[in-house]
């Protein structure tokens, strides 16, 4: 049995920006050596992603509700273990696998949240990445550059990592772009070398 209560009234509500979407854009700048500015992204939700980008040699600046990421021509490898929030998000490991694939050295990513989250590895290998899968762990030895190749998109996040990895390999488009996210209150300005 349901009993009515006081009358309902309207309210204003702001949807929080998607941290995985913001993190994907941040890694895209790191992969391409680009410069990206995210307005409205919540830096508090991106601590684990920011920390690993900085460990990889990427510059991340936070000022007045804006996150700016400057990619680097050289990247250091890193180790990640995926965890529930506030730990490192499982939905970011494909993007970071691509980043490790172009780092100078060997990096390790351990997937502890879901099984069989490495469908993107075969596709990165087609592009020349040196990645070994051992159980729930990838061991990646970076190469100077990946090459373009026909690929299969296995899921949204993995596909984003493949597109951005290949971007540095075969495109010379240097036009700045402004991207408005449809799924969150975040605006992105992007410039790649």
C-alpha atoms as a PDB file:
ATOM      1  CA  UNK A   1       0.000   0.000   0.000  1.00  0.00           C
ATOM      2  CA  UNK A   2       1.287   3.427  -0.946  1.00  0.00           C
ATOM      3  CA  UNK A   3       0.373   6.521   0.975  1.00  0.00           C
ATOM      4  CA  UNK A   4       0.862   9.938  -0.546  1.00  0.00           C
ATOM      5  CA  UNK A   5       3.039  12.587   1.063  1.00  0.00           C
ATOM      6  CA  UNK A   6       3.658  16.268   0.643  1.00  0.00           C
ATOM      7  CA  UNK A   7       3.346  17.786  -2.806  1.00  0.00           C
ATOM      8  CA  UNK A   8       6.411  17.437  -5.029  1.00  0.00           C
ATOM      9  CA  UNK A   9       8.035  20.486  -6.578  1.00  0.00           C
ATOM     10  CA  UNK A  10      10.713  21.138  -9.168  1.00  0.00           C
ATOM     11  CA  UNK A  11      14.433  21.349  -8.516  1.00  0.00           C
ATOM     12  CA  UNK A  12      17.613  22.222 -10.370  1.00  0.00           C
ATOM     13  CA  UNK A  13      20.209  19.491 -10.698  1.00  0.00           C
ATOM     14  CA  UNK A  14      23.572  19.425 -12.460  1.00  0.00           C
ATOM     15  CA  UNK A  15      24.770  16.109 -13.880  1.00  0.00           C
ATOM     16  CA  UNK A  16      28.368  15.409 -12.921  1.00  0.00           C
ATOM     17  CA  UNK A  17      30.826  15.047 -15.801  1.00  0.00           C
ATOM     18  CA  UNK A  18      31.739  11.484 -16.736  1.00  0.00           C
ATOM     19  CA  UNK A  19      35.207  10.726 -15.334  1.00  0.00           C
ATOM     20  CA  UNK A  20      35.843   7.986 -17.883  1.00  0.00           C
ATOM     21  CA  UNK A  21      35.014  10.304 -20.766  1.00  0.00           C
ATOM     22  CA  UNK A  22      37.258  13.017 -19.292  1.00  0.00           C
ATOM     23  CA  UNK A  23      40.049  10.493 -18.683  1.00  0.00           C
ATOM     24  CA  UNK A  24      39.760   9.208 -22.255  1.00  0.00           C
ATOM     25  CA  UNK A  25      40.291  12.738 -23.599  1.00  0.00           C
ATOM     26  CA  UNK A  26      43.223  13.216 -21.212  1.00  0.00           C
ATOM     27  CA  UNK A  27      44.927  10.048 -22.474  1.00  0.00           C
ATOM     28  CA  UNK A  28      44.229  11.103 -26.066  1.00  0.00           C
ATOM     29  CA  UNK A  29      46.356  14.216 -25.498  1.00  0.00           C
ATOM     30  CA  UNK A  30      49.070  12.053 -23.946  1.00  0.00           C
ATOM     31  CA  UNK A  31      49.032   9.611 -26.889  1.00  0.00           C
ATOM     32  CA  UNK A  32      49.248  12.316 -29.542  1.00  0.00           C
ATOM     33  CA  UNK A  33      51.553  14.772 -27.773  1.00  0.00           C
ATOM     34  CA  UNK A  34      48.646  17.205 -27.927  1.00  0.00           C
ATOM     35  CA  UNK A  35      47.224  19.884 -25.659  1.00  0.00           C
ATOM     36  CA  UNK A  36      43.710  19.489 -24.328  1.00  0.00           C
ATOM     37  CA  UNK A  37      41.576  21.594 -22.009  1.00  0.00           C
ATOM     38  CA  UNK A  38      38.571  20.139 -20.210  1.00  0.00           C
ATOM     39  CA  UNK A  39      36.158  22.658 -18.720  1.00  0.00           C
ATOM     40  CA  UNK A  40      33.786  21.387 -16.071  1.00  0.00           C
ATOM     41  CA  UNK A  41      35.499  18.030 -15.506  1.00  0.00           C
ATOM     42  CA  UNK A  42      35.718  17.181 -11.812  1.00  0.00           C
ATOM     43  CA  UNK A  43      39.413  16.856 -10.922  1.00  0.00           C
ATOM     44  CA  UNK A  44      38.525  15.157  -7.630  1.00  0.00           C
ATOM     45  CA  UNK A  45      37.027  12.238  -9.582  1.00  0.00           C
ATOM     46  CA  UNK A  46      40.153  11.898 -11.749  1.00  0.00           C
ATOM     47  CA  UNK A  47      42.867  11.504  -9.109  1.00  0.00           C
ATOM     48  CA  UNK A  48      43.971   7.987 -10.084  1.00  0.00           C
ATOM     49  CA  UNK A  49      43.993   8.847 -13.794  1.00  0.00           C
ATOM     50  CA  UNK A  50      45.863  12.121 -13.225  1.00  0.00           C
ATOM     51  CA  UNK A  51      48.450  10.425 -11.003  1.00  0.00           C
ATOM     52  CA  UNK A  52      49.247   7.772 -13.639  1.00  0.00           C
ATOM     53  CA  UNK A  53      49.437  10.342 -16.448  1.00  0.00           C
ATOM     54  CA  UNK A  54      51.915  12.371 -14.410  1.00  0.00           C
ATOM     55  CA  UNK A  55      53.888   9.207 -13.655  1.00  0.00           C
ATOM     56  CA  UNK A  56      54.051   8.637 -17.428  1.00  0.00           C
ATOM     57  CA  UNK A  57      55.584  12.096 -17.916  1.00  0.00           C
ATOM     58  CA  UNK A  58      52.440  13.946 -18.988  1.00  0.00           C
ATOM     59  CA  UNK A  59      51.787  17.432 -17.596  1.00  0.00           C
ATOM     60  CA  UNK A  60      48.358  17.874 -15.966  1.00  0.00           C
ATOM     61  CA  UNK A  61      47.321  21.320 -14.706  1.00  0.00           C
ATOM     62  CA  UNK A  62      44.191  22.137 -12.686  1.00  0.00           C
ATOM     63  CA  UNK A  63      42.862  25.687 -12.407  1.00  0.00           C
ATOM     64  CA  UNK A  64      39.387  27.074 -11.667  1.00  0.00           C
ATOM     65  CA  UNK A  65      37.316  24.101 -12.831  1.00  0.00           C
ATOM     66  CA  UNK A  66      39.541  23.416 -15.838  1.00  0.00           C
ATOM     67  CA  UNK A  67      41.947  20.534 -16.407  1.00  0.00           C
ATOM     68  CA  UNK A  68      44.648  21.043 -19.027  1.00  0.00           C
ATOM     69  CA  UNK A  69      46.783  18.167 -20.301  1.00  0.00           C
ATOM     70  CA  UNK A  70      49.987  18.579 -22.300  1.00  0.00           C
ATOM     71  CA  UNK A  71      51.219  15.428 -23.980  1.00  0.00           C
ATOM     72  CA  UNK A  72      54.921  14.697 -24.107  1.00  0.00           C
ATOM     73  CA  UNK A  73      57.081  13.393 -26.942  1.00  0.00           C
ATOM     74  CA  UNK A  74      58.568  10.881 -24.494  1.00  0.00           C
ATOM     75  CA  UNK A  75      56.538   8.764 -22.108  1.00  0.00           C
ATOM     76  CA  UNK A  76      57.583   6.638 -19.160  1.00  0.00           C
ATOM     77  CA  UNK A  77      56.011   3.200 -18.538  1.00  0.00           C
ATOM     78  CA  UNK A  78      53.905   2.596 -15.439  1.00  0.00           C
ATOM     79  CA  UNK A  79      52.159  -0.113 -13.446  1.00  0.00           C
ATOM     80  CA  UNK A  80      48.420  -0.105 -12.795  1.00  0.00           C
ATOM     81  CA  UNK A  81      46.019  -2.348 -10.932  1.00  0.00           C
ATOM     82  CA  UNK A  82      42.371  -1.588 -11.646  1.00  0.00           C
ATOM     83  CA  UNK A  83      40.172  -1.048  -8.597  1.00  0.00           C
ATOM     84  CA  UNK A  84      36.692   0.226  -7.750  1.00  0.00           C
ATOM     85  CA  UNK A  85      36.370   3.996  -7.261  1.00  0.00           C
ATOM     86  CA  UNK A  86      38.366   5.889  -6.019  1.00  0.00           C
ATOM     87  CA  UNK A  87      41.032   3.497  -7.336  1.00  0.00           C
ATOM     88  CA  UNK A  88      42.139   3.239 -10.948  1.00  0.00           C
ATOM     89  CA  UNK A  89      39.044   2.648 -13.151  1.00  0.00           C
ATOM     90  CA  UNK A  90      38.807  -0.565 -15.145  1.00  0.00           C
ATOM     91  CA  UNK A  91      37.225   1.438 -17.978  1.00  0.00           C
ATOM     92  CA  UNK A  92      40.518   3.333 -18.423  1.00  0.00           C
ATOM     93  CA  UNK A  93      42.880   0.358 -18.710  1.00  0.00           C
ATOM     94  CA  UNK A  94      42.555   0.035 -22.520  1.00  0.00           C
ATOM     95  CA  UNK A  95      43.556   3.671 -22.990  1.00  0.00           C
ATOM     96  CA  UNK A  96      46.505   3.258 -20.634  1.00  0.00           C
ATOM     97  CA  UNK A  97      47.544   0.017 -22.363  1.00  0.00           C
ATOM     98  CA  UNK A  98      47.856   2.061 -25.564  1.00  0.00           C
ATOM     99  CA  UNK A  99      49.898   4.659 -23.667  1.00  0.00           C
ATOM    100  CA  UNK A 100      52.231   1.947 -22.306  1.00  0.00           C
ATOM    101  CA  UNK A 101      52.574   0.614 -25.871  1.00  0.00           C
ATOM    102  CA  UNK A 102      54.366   3.844 -26.841  1.00  0.00           C
ATOM    103  CA  UNK A 103      56.318   4.387 -23.613  1.00  0.00           C
ATOM    104  CA  UNK A 104      60.077   4.000 -23.292  1.00  0.00           C
ATOM    105  CA  UNK A 105      60.343   0.762 -21.323  1.00  0.00           C
ATOM    106  CA  UNK A 106      58.062  -1.949 -19.954  1.00  0.00           C
ATOM    107  CA  UNK A 107      54.772  -1.326 -18.169  1.00  0.00           C
ATOM    108  CA  UNK A 108      52.316  -3.650 -16.452  1.00  0.00           C
ATOM    109  CA  UNK A 109      48.530  -3.419 -16.114  1.00  0.00           C
ATOM    110  CA  UNK A 110      46.616  -5.842 -13.900  1.00  0.00           C
ATOM    111  CA  UNK A 111      42.848  -6.084 -14.331  1.00  0.00           C
ATOM    112  CA  UNK A 112      41.292  -6.927 -10.962  1.00  0.00           C
ATOM    113  CA  UNK A 113      37.671  -5.877 -11.560  1.00  0.00           C
ATOM    114  CA  UNK A 114      36.464  -7.823 -14.626  1.00  0.00           C
ATOM    115  CA  UNK A 115      37.617 -10.910 -16.507  1.00  0.00           C
ATOM    116  CA  UNK A 116      38.526 -10.849 -20.189  1.00  0.00           C
ATOM    117  CA  UNK A 117      38.990  -7.071 -20.542  1.00  0.00           C
ATOM    118  CA  UNK A 118      41.903  -7.339 -22.990  1.00  0.00           C
ATOM    119  CA  UNK A 119      40.085  -7.575 -26.338  1.00  0.00           C
ATOM    120  CA  UNK A 120      41.934  -4.414 -27.447  1.00  0.00           C
ATOM    121  CA  UNK A 121      45.362  -6.054 -27.047  1.00  0.00           C
ATOM    122  CA  UNK A 122      45.161  -8.047 -30.307  1.00  0.00           C
ATOM    123  CA  UNK A 123      44.200  -4.868 -32.149  1.00  0.00           C
ATOM    124  CA  UNK A 124      47.118  -2.927 -30.644  1.00  0.00           C
ATOM    125  CA  UNK A 125      49.416  -5.824 -31.602  1.00  0.00           C
ATOM    126  CA  UNK A 126      48.233  -5.453 -35.214  1.00  0.00           C
ATOM    127  CA  UNK A 127      49.528  -1.884 -34.992  1.00  0.00           C
ATOM    128  CA  UNK A 128      52.935  -3.146 -33.840  1.00  0.00           C
ATOM    129  CA  UNK A 129      52.520  -3.001 -30.052  1.00  0.00           C
ATOM    130  CA  UNK A 130      54.572  -5.494 -28.050  1.00  0.00           C
ATOM    131  CA  UNK A 131      52.092  -6.755 -25.460  1.00  0.00           C
ATOM    132  CA  UNK A 132      52.042 -10.081 -23.637  1.00  0.00           C
ATOM    133  CA  UNK A 133      48.926 -11.201 -21.734  1.00  0.00           C
ATOM    134  CA  UNK A 134      49.487 -13.396 -18.686  1.00  0.00           C
ATOM    135  CA  UNK A 135      46.195 -14.193 -16.991  1.00  0.00           C
ATOM    136  CA  UNK A 136      44.686 -10.897 -15.851  1.00  0.00           C
ATOM    137  CA  UNK A 137      47.869  -8.886 -16.571  1.00  0.00           C
ATOM    138  CA  UNK A 138      49.363  -7.216 -19.625  1.00  0.00           C
ATOM    139  CA  UNK A 139      53.106  -6.701 -19.908  1.00  0.00           C
ATOM    140  CA  UNK A 140      53.845  -4.064 -22.512  1.00  0.00           C
ATOM    141  CA  UNK A 141      57.223  -3.088 -23.935  1.00  0.00           C
ATOM    142  CA  UNK A 142      56.928   0.279 -25.609  1.00  0.00           C
ATOM    143  CA  UNK A 143      57.788   0.902 -29.250  1.00  0.00           C
ATOM    144  CA  UNK A 144      58.698   4.288 -30.773  1.00  0.00           C
ATOM    145  CA  UNK A 145      55.620   4.387 -33.003  1.00  0.00           C
ATOM    146  CA  UNK A 146      52.611   2.266 -33.872  1.00  0.00           C
ATOM    147  CA  UNK A 147      51.553   1.768 -37.488  1.00  0.00           C
ATOM    148  CA  UNK A 148      48.150   2.006 -39.082  1.00  0.00           C
ATOM    149  CA  UNK A 149      46.299  -1.272 -39.589  1.00  0.00           C
ATOM    150  CA  UNK A 150      42.764  -2.555 -40.225  1.00  0.00           C
ATOM    151  CA  UNK A 151      41.205  -2.933 -36.774  1.00  0.00           C
ATOM    152  CA  UNK A 152      38.059  -4.221 -35.131  1.00  0.00           C
ATOM    153  CA  UNK A 153      36.415  -2.031 -32.505  1.00  0.00           C
ATOM    154  CA  UNK A 154      35.540  -4.274 -29.570  1.00  0.00           C
ATOM    155  CA  UNK A 155      34.033  -1.711 -27.200  1.00  0.00           C
ATOM    156  CA  UNK A 156      33.756   2.056 -26.818  1.00  0.00           C
ATOM    157  CA  UNK A 157      36.758   2.673 -24.527  1.00  0.00           C
ATOM    158  CA  UNK A 158      39.062   0.251 -26.305  1.00  0.00           C
ATOM    159  CA  UNK A 159      38.051   1.761 -29.629  1.00  0.00           C
ATOM    160  CA  UNK A 160      38.960   5.248 -28.406  1.00  0.00           C
ATOM    161  CA  UNK A 161      42.423   3.995 -27.451  1.00  0.00           C
ATOM    162  CA  UNK A 162      42.917   2.464 -30.919  1.00  0.00           C
ATOM    163  CA  UNK A 163      41.809   5.594 -32.743  1.00  0.00           C
ATOM    164  CA  UNK A 164      44.091   7.834 -30.711  1.00  0.00           C
ATOM    165  CA  UNK A 165      47.036   5.406 -31.020  1.00  0.00           C
ATOM    166  CA  UNK A 166      46.720   5.369 -34.783  1.00  0.00           C
ATOM    167  CA  UNK A 167      46.261   9.138 -34.951  1.00  0.00           C
ATOM    168  CA  UNK A 168      49.943   9.730 -34.313  1.00  0.00           C
ATOM    169  CA  UNK A 169      50.865   7.136 -36.921  1.00  0.00           C
ATOM    170  CA  UNK A 170      49.181   8.374 -40.068  1.00  0.00           C
ATOM    171  CA  UNK A 171      47.519  11.767 -39.755  1.00  0.00           C
ATOM    172  CA  UNK A 172      48.934  15.223 -40.259  1.00  0.00           C
ATOM    173  CA  UNK A 173      45.753  17.100 -39.314  1.00  0.00           C
ATOM    174  CA  UNK A 174      46.715  19.843 -36.861  1.00  0.00           C
ATOM    175  CA  UNK A 175      43.493  21.839 -36.700  1.00  0.00           C
ATOM    176  CA  UNK A 176      42.255  22.686 -33.204  1.00  0.00           C
ATOM    177  CA  UNK A 177      38.868  21.228 -32.360  1.00  0.00           C
ATOM    178  CA  UNK A 178      36.175  22.060 -29.853  1.00  0.00           C
ATOM    179  CA  UNK A 179      34.173  19.070 -28.666  1.00  0.00           C
ATOM    180  CA  UNK A 180      30.982  19.369 -26.666  1.00  0.00           C
ATOM    181  CA  UNK A 181      30.134  16.257 -24.772  1.00  0.00           C
ATOM    182  CA  UNK A 182      26.512  15.143 -25.124  1.00  0.00           C
ATOM    183  CA  UNK A 183      26.669  12.930 -22.071  1.00  0.00           C
ATOM    184  CA  UNK A 184      28.051  15.397 -19.537  1.00  0.00           C
ATOM    185  CA  UNK A 185      28.508  19.033 -18.679  1.00  0.00           C
ATOM    186  CA  UNK A 186      32.034  19.127 -20.016  1.00  0.00           C
ATOM    187  CA  UNK A 187      33.544  21.123 -22.893  1.00  0.00           C
ATOM    188  CA  UNK A 188      36.821  20.052 -24.483  1.00  0.00           C
ATOM    189  CA  UNK A 189      39.277  22.140 -26.508  1.00  0.00           C
ATOM    190  CA  UNK A 190      41.892  20.165 -28.374  1.00  0.00           C
ATOM    191  CA  UNK A 191      45.034  20.962 -30.330  1.00  0.00           C
ATOM    192  CA  UNK A 192      47.433  18.270 -31.550  1.00  0.00           C
ATOM    193  CA  UNK A 193      50.873  18.702 -33.134  1.00  0.00           C
END
